[in-house]
Protein backbone atom coordinates (compact mmCIF):
# COMPACT_ATOMS: atom_id res chain seq x y z
CA MET A 1 0.00 0.00 0.00
CA SER A 2 1.40 3.43 -0.90
CA ASN A 3 2.02 6.13 1.65
CA HIS A 4 -0.84 8.16 0.16
CA ALA A 5 -3.26 5.25 0.47
CA GLU A 6 -2.12 4.54 4.03
CA ALA A 7 -2.54 8.19 5.00
CA ALA A 8 -6.00 8.32 3.41
CA GLN A 9 -7.02 5.21 5.35
CA GLU A 10 -5.71 6.67 8.60
CA VAL A 11 -7.70 9.86 8.01
CA ALA A 12 -10.83 7.84 7.22
CA ASP A 13 -10.33 5.74 10.37
CA ALA A 14 -9.85 8.84 12.51
CA ARG A 15 -12.94 10.48 10.99
CA ALA A 16 -15.00 7.34 11.62
CA SER A 17 -13.84 7.29 15.24
CA LEU A 18 -14.82 10.95 15.70
CA LEU A 19 -18.22 10.33 14.14
CA ARG A 20 -18.83 7.41 16.50
CA ASP A 21 -17.79 9.58 19.45
CA PHE A 22 -20.25 12.26 18.34
CA VAL A 23 -23.12 9.78 18.10
CA PHE A 24 -22.25 8.38 21.52
CA GLU A 25 -22.17 11.84 23.12
CA ALA A 26 -25.27 13.11 21.28
CA LEU A 27 -27.33 10.27 22.74
CA VAL A 28 -26.55 11.24 26.36
CA PRO A 29 -29.15 14.06 26.49
CA VAL A 30 -31.75 11.71 25.05
CA GLU A 31 -31.64 9.61 28.20
CA CYS A 32 -31.94 12.66 30.48
CA ASP A 33 -34.65 14.33 28.43
CA ALA A 34 -36.68 11.13 28.18
CA ALA A 35 -36.75 10.91 31.97
CA ALA A 36 -37.64 14.61 32.20
CA ALA A 37 -40.45 14.17 29.65
CA ARG A 38 -41.88 11.31 31.70
CA LEU A 39 -41.77 13.47 34.82
CA CYS A 40 -43.51 16.29 32.95
CA LEU A 41 -46.25 13.92 31.82
CA GLY A 42 -46.70 12.71 35.37
CA ASN A 43 -47.07 16.32 36.49
CA ASP A 44 -49.47 17.30 33.69
CA ASP A 45 -46.81 19.67 32.28
CA ASP A 46 -47.52 19.46 28.56
CA ALA A 47 -45.28 22.42 27.68
CA GLY A 48 -42.34 20.91 29.55
CA CYS A 49 -42.95 17.56 27.89
CA ARG A 50 -43.01 19.21 24.46
CA TYR A 51 -39.72 20.97 25.24
CA ASP A 52 -38.02 17.73 26.28
CA LEU A 53 -39.41 15.80 23.32
CA THR A 54 -38.20 18.52 20.94
CA ARG A 55 -34.70 18.23 22.40
CA ILE A 56 -34.86 14.45 22.02
CA ALA A 57 -35.94 14.76 18.39
CA GLU A 58 -33.09 17.16 17.61
CA CYS A 59 -30.51 14.85 19.19
CA VAL A 60 -31.87 11.84 17.34
CA LYS A 61 -31.89 13.72 14.02
CA ALA A 62 -28.25 14.68 14.56
CA THR A 63 -27.26 11.11 15.38
CA VAL A 64 -29.11 9.64 12.39
CA SER A 65 -27.46 12.14 10.07
CA THR A 66 -24.04 11.42 11.54
CA LEU A 67 -24.62 7.67 11.40
CA SER A 68 -25.52 7.99 7.72
CA GLU A 69 -22.26 9.85 7.16
CA LEU A 70 -20.38 7.11 9.02
CA GLU A 71 -22.02 4.39 6.92
CA SER A 72 -21.14 6.30 3.77
CA LEU A 73 -17.55 6.65 4.92
CA ASN A 74 -17.34 2.94 5.72
CA GLY A 75 -18.77 2.10 2.29
CA ARG A 76 -16.03 4.09 0.63
CA ALA A 77 -13.31 2.75 2.89
CA ALA A 78 -14.29 -0.89 2.39
């Protein structure tokens, strides 16, 4: 394998690792906000529940988009 190909693979591997880290970190608020949304529902706080669910949706959208990018990167690297 040439130096250029090795360097390109190392960059792709590093990018994939960063994308995985982003997905991992972006899911953390989902856990917290899901619990908060349940508490809001239990307290008849519809506005609070909507707020938490909106945050969850935004985090999930970001992770799905990033995961798609990761899958695309892996398809090219394979």
